[in-house]
Amino acid sequence: MTTVERPVRTFVLDAAGIEKSYRRGLRHRQNILRGADITLRPGEVVGLVGENGSGKSTFMKILVGALRADAGTVVVDGKLGYCPQEPVFYERLTCDEHFELFGRAYRMSPAAERRARRELYAALGFERYASTRADRLSGGTLAKLNLGLALLADPEVLLLDEPYAGFDWDTYVKFWQLVAQRREQGRSVLIISHFVADEERFDRIVQLRDGRAEPR
C-alpha cells in the first residue's frame, strides 16, 4: 500500500498585488489600493487597521469576492465566512429562518445546521430571539445574528468588517472567546477595524496606508 502525505497548508488566504481605483469625474481616478498584500496562515488572528477612507472595506469586499479588483489575485484554501459591517438580513424572517436559509446556501445537512445553530445561540446568548423576526430585533441582537450566520458553516477563514459595532460588554467578551476557540482549532480570523484596543489578542496587526498593507 502506498501512503500519500497531504501537503501542509501554509495559508488559508493569500492576496497579492491588489489594486483598486474609482473614477472621480470625467478624467480623474482615485487610487484606493496600490498593490496591497495579505496572507493568513492556519490558526492565526490578524487585525487590519487603517484610517477612515484608507480602503479597508474595499479590501475586505475584494477578499470575499463581493468586489472585483483592477489587478492582483486572491486565493482561499477552504470555506470562507464573511461578517459585513452592516448586518445583512431579511426583515420578515426570524433568526431560526435565517439560519435555515443560510444552512441551505452552505449545503449543510438539516441536522448539522440545527446543531451549529444551537451552539451559536448558546455561545452568543440570543436563543430567546430564535422565533423573533429580524425587523423586531435590536441593533445588538442583529449584530449577533450577523456574526452567527458567518460562523454557521465553521469556515476555515473568517473575515469580519468592524465586528464590534453594536456589541455590549458581555457580547464583546463572548466574541473573543469564540475567536480564541477558532484559533485553537486551527481556524483563522481577519478583523478589519479603524482601531485595535486589545493588541495582545492578535497574532499580527497589519496597517493599510497609502493603498498598501504593511506590518505595524
Protein backbone atom coordinates (compact mmCIF):
# COMPACT_ATOMS: atom_id res chain seq x y z
CA MET A 1 0.00 0.00 0.00
CA THR A 2 1.29 3.43 -0.93
CA THR A 3 0.84 6.23 1.59
CA VAL A 4 0.48 9.69 0.14
CA GLU A 5 1.15 12.53 2.53
CA ARG A 6 -1.09 15.56 2.20
CA PRO A 7 0.84 18.80 1.81
CA VAL A 8 0.90 21.03 4.86
CA ARG A 9 -1.17 24.14 4.29
CA THR A 10 0.93 27.28 4.54
CA PHE A 11 -2.02 29.66 4.17
CA VAL A 12 -5.80 29.76 4.19
CA LEU A 13 -5.99 33.08 2.37
CA ASP A 14 -3.41 34.78 0.20
CA ALA A 15 -3.98 38.12 -1.56
CA ALA A 16 -1.22 39.59 -3.68
CA GLY A 17 -0.89 42.85 -5.61
CA ILE A 18 -4.47 44.01 -5.08
CA GLU A 19 -5.22 47.27 -6.89
CA LYS A 20 -8.47 49.22 -6.99
CA SER A 21 -9.37 52.71 -8.17
CA TYR A 22 -12.59 54.64 -8.69
CA ARG A 23 -13.44 57.24 -11.27
CA ARG A 24 -13.92 60.73 -9.90
CA GLY A 25 -15.31 62.93 -12.64
CA LEU A 26 -14.52 62.53 -16.32
CA ARG A 27 -10.73 62.44 -16.21
CA HIS A 28 -9.66 61.74 -12.65
CA ARG A 29 -9.30 58.33 -10.98
CA GLN A 30 -8.72 57.90 -7.26
CA ASN A 31 -6.38 55.04 -6.38
CA ILE A 32 -7.63 53.26 -3.26
CA LEU A 33 -5.45 50.13 -3.24
CA ARG A 34 -1.98 50.20 -4.79
CA GLY A 35 -0.72 46.63 -4.65
CA ALA A 36 -1.97 45.53 -1.23
CA ASP A 37 -0.88 42.09 0.01
CA ILE A 38 -2.03 39.98 2.93
CA THR A 39 -1.63 36.32 3.91
CA LEU A 40 -3.45 34.40 6.65
CA ARG A 41 -1.91 31.22 7.99
CA PRO A 42 -3.89 28.44 9.73
CA GLY A 43 -4.75 29.27 13.35
CA GLU A 44 -3.88 32.95 13.04
CA VAL A 45 -5.80 36.01 14.26
CA VAL A 46 -4.84 39.09 12.26
CA GLY A 47 -6.01 42.69 12.61
CA LEU A 48 -6.15 45.04 9.62
CA VAL A 49 -6.31 48.67 10.68
CA GLY A 50 -6.34 51.98 8.88
CA GLU A 51 -7.79 55.45 8.95
CA ASN A 52 -11.28 56.14 7.63
CA GLY A 53 -11.10 56.20 3.84
CA SER A 54 -7.94 54.10 3.71
CA GLY A 55 -9.70 51.36 1.73
CA LYS A 56 -10.27 48.76 4.45
CA SER A 57 -13.82 47.86 3.46
CA THR A 58 -12.89 47.91 -0.24
CA PHE A 59 -10.08 45.47 0.51
CA MET A 60 -12.42 43.24 2.52
CA LYS A 61 -15.04 43.15 -0.27
CA ILE A 62 -12.35 42.12 -2.75
CA LEU A 63 -11.12 39.36 -0.40
CA VAL A 64 -14.61 37.86 -0.13
CA GLY A 65 -15.37 38.23 -3.83
CA ALA A 66 -18.05 40.91 -3.48
CA LEU A 67 -15.97 43.39 -5.49
CA ARG A 68 -13.63 42.86 -8.43
CA ALA A 69 -10.08 44.12 -8.15
CA ASP A 70 -8.44 46.01 -11.02
CA ALA A 71 -5.36 43.81 -10.59
CA GLY A 72 -3.99 41.16 -8.26
CA THR A 73 -5.01 37.68 -7.09
CA VAL A 74 -6.92 36.23 -4.14
CA VAL A 75 -6.61 32.53 -3.24
CA VAL A 76 -8.69 30.95 -0.47
CA ASP A 77 -7.96 27.42 0.77
CA GLY A 78 -11.16 26.23 2.44
CA LYS A 79 -14.55 27.66 3.37
CA LEU A 80 -14.81 31.40 3.92
CA GLY A 81 -17.17 33.18 6.32
CA TYR A 82 -17.91 36.89 5.99
CA CYS A 83 -19.43 39.24 8.53
CA PRO A 84 -20.08 42.62 6.83
CA GLN A 85 -20.07 45.88 8.72
CA GLU A 86 -23.79 46.38 8.07
CA PRO A 87 -25.86 43.30 9.01
CA VAL A 88 -27.47 41.56 6.04
CA PHE A 89 -30.92 40.26 6.95
CA TYR A 90 -34.44 39.73 5.67
CA GLU A 91 -36.90 41.76 7.72
CA ARG A 92 -39.72 39.20 7.70
CA LEU A 93 -37.59 36.16 8.58
CA THR A 94 -36.96 35.03 12.15
CA CYS A 95 -33.49 34.20 13.44
CA ASP A 96 -34.26 30.48 13.04
CA GLU A 97 -35.38 31.03 9.46
CA HIS A 98 -32.18 32.96 8.68
CA PHE A 99 -30.08 30.05 9.92
CA GLU A 100 -32.15 27.57 7.89
CA LEU A 101 -31.79 29.68 4.75
CA PHE A 102 -28.04 30.15 5.13
CA GLY A 103 -27.61 26.48 6.04
CA ARG A 104 -29.14 25.52 2.69
CA ALA A 105 -26.92 28.02 0.89
CA TYR A 106 -23.89 26.42 2.59
CA ARG A 107 -25.27 22.97 1.60
CA MET A 108 -25.32 21.82 5.21
CA SER A 109 -27.49 18.89 6.23
CA PRO A 110 -30.54 19.91 8.32
CA ALA A 111 -29.10 18.11 11.35
CA ALA A 112 -25.71 19.84 11.04
CA GLU A 113 -27.37 23.23 10.62
CA ARG A 114 -29.58 22.76 13.69
CA ARG A 115 -26.61 21.61 15.78
CA ALA A 116 -24.47 24.58 14.71
CA ARG A 117 -27.40 26.94 15.30
CA ARG A 118 -27.88 25.71 18.88
CA GLU A 119 -24.18 26.11 19.61
CA LEU A 120 -24.13 29.67 18.24
CA TYR A 121 -27.24 30.69 20.16
CA ALA A 122 -25.58 29.43 23.36
CA ALA A 123 -22.19 30.98 22.59
CA LEU A 124 -23.60 34.42 21.75
CA GLY A 125 -26.53 34.37 24.17
CA PHE A 126 -29.55 35.16 21.99
CA GLU A 127 -31.55 31.93 21.90
CA ARG A 128 -34.63 33.67 23.30
CA TYR A 129 -34.87 35.56 20.00
CA ALA A 130 -34.94 32.41 17.85
CA SER A 131 -38.55 32.98 16.77
CA THR A 132 -38.33 36.79 16.55
CA ARG A 133 -38.47 38.49 13.17
CA ALA A 134 -35.39 40.45 12.17
CA ASP A 135 -37.26 43.76 11.91
CA ARG A 136 -38.09 43.47 15.63
CA LEU A 137 -34.53 42.85 16.83
CA SER A 138 -32.30 45.43 18.48
CA GLY A 139 -29.11 46.51 16.76
CA GLY A 140 -27.07 44.43 19.21
CA THR A 141 -29.04 41.26 18.53
CA LEU A 142 -28.79 41.85 14.77
CA ALA A 143 -25.01 42.06 15.21
CA LYS A 144 -25.09 38.66 16.95
CA LEU A 145 -27.20 37.19 14.15
CA ASN A 146 -24.81 38.67 11.58
CA LEU A 147 -21.84 37.02 13.29
CA GLY A 148 -23.70 33.75 13.80
CA LEU A 149 -24.53 33.44 10.11
CA ALA A 150 -20.87 33.97 9.20
CA LEU A 151 -19.86 31.21 11.64
CA LEU A 152 -22.61 28.75 10.78
CA ALA A 153 -20.64 26.53 8.38
CA ASP A 154 -17.47 26.57 10.57
CA PRO A 155 -15.31 28.29 7.93
CA GLU A 156 -11.54 27.83 7.79
CA VAL A 157 -11.16 31.59 7.45
CA LEU A 158 -13.49 34.19 8.95
CA LEU A 159 -13.43 37.79 7.71
CA LEU A 160 -15.00 40.41 9.98
CA ASP A 161 -15.56 44.05 8.99
CA GLU A 162 -15.84 46.29 12.10
CA PRO A 163 -17.44 43.45 14.11
CA TYR A 164 -17.60 45.31 17.45
CA ALA A 165 -20.33 47.75 16.35
CA GLY A 166 -23.46 47.14 18.41
CA PHE A 167 -21.75 44.80 20.90
CA ASP A 168 -22.28 45.33 24.61
CA TRP A 169 -19.51 44.28 27.00
CA ASP A 170 -20.91 40.76 27.54
CA THR A 171 -21.11 40.15 23.78
CA TYR A 172 -17.61 41.56 23.33
CA VAL A 173 -16.26 39.02 25.83
CA LYS A 174 -18.19 36.17 24.17
CA PHE A 175 -16.86 37.28 20.79
CA TRP A 176 -13.24 36.95 21.89
CA GLN A 177 -13.95 33.58 23.47
CA LEU A 178 -15.21 32.38 20.08
CA VAL A 179 -12.14 33.81 18.36
CA ALA A 180 -9.83 32.04 20.84
CA GLN A 181 -11.64 28.74 20.24
CA ARG A 182 -11.24 29.11 16.50
CA ARG A 183 -7.53 29.78 16.85
CA GLU A 184 -7.15 26.60 18.92
CA GLN A 185 -8.98 24.65 16.20
CA GLY A 186 -6.60 25.92 13.52
CA ARG A 187 -9.14 28.34 12.08
CA SER A 188 -8.07 31.83 11.01
CA VAL A 189 -9.72 35.19 11.64
CA LEU A 190 -9.12 38.54 9.93
CA ILE A 191 -10.62 41.53 11.76
CA ILE A 192 -10.82 44.87 10.00
CA SER A 193 -11.26 47.91 12.23
CA HIS A 194 -10.27 51.56 12.35
CA PHE A 195 -8.63 50.90 15.73
CA VAL A 196 -7.41 47.95 17.81
CA ALA A 197 -7.93 48.15 21.56
CA ASP A 198 -6.65 44.72 22.69
CA GLU A 199 -3.49 44.17 20.69
CA GLU A 200 -2.46 41.16 22.80
CA ARG A 201 -5.40 39.21 21.35
CA PHE A 202 -3.89 39.34 17.84
CA ASP A 203 -1.02 37.38 16.37
CA ARG A 204 -0.27 40.19 13.93
CA ILE A 205 -1.57 43.64 13.09
CA VAL A 206 -1.32 44.98 9.55
CA GLN A 207 -1.85 48.63 8.68
CA LEU A 208 -3.39 49.82 5.44
CA ARG A 209 -1.62 53.03 4.44
CA ASP A 210 -1.31 54.72 1.05
CA GLY A 211 -3.04 51.76 -0.59
CA ARG A 212 -0.63 49.14 0.76
CA ALA A 213 -0.81 46.73 3.68
CA GLU A 214 2.28 46.86 5.92
CA PRO A 215 3.21 45.22 9.24
CA ARG A 216 2.63 47.55 12.16
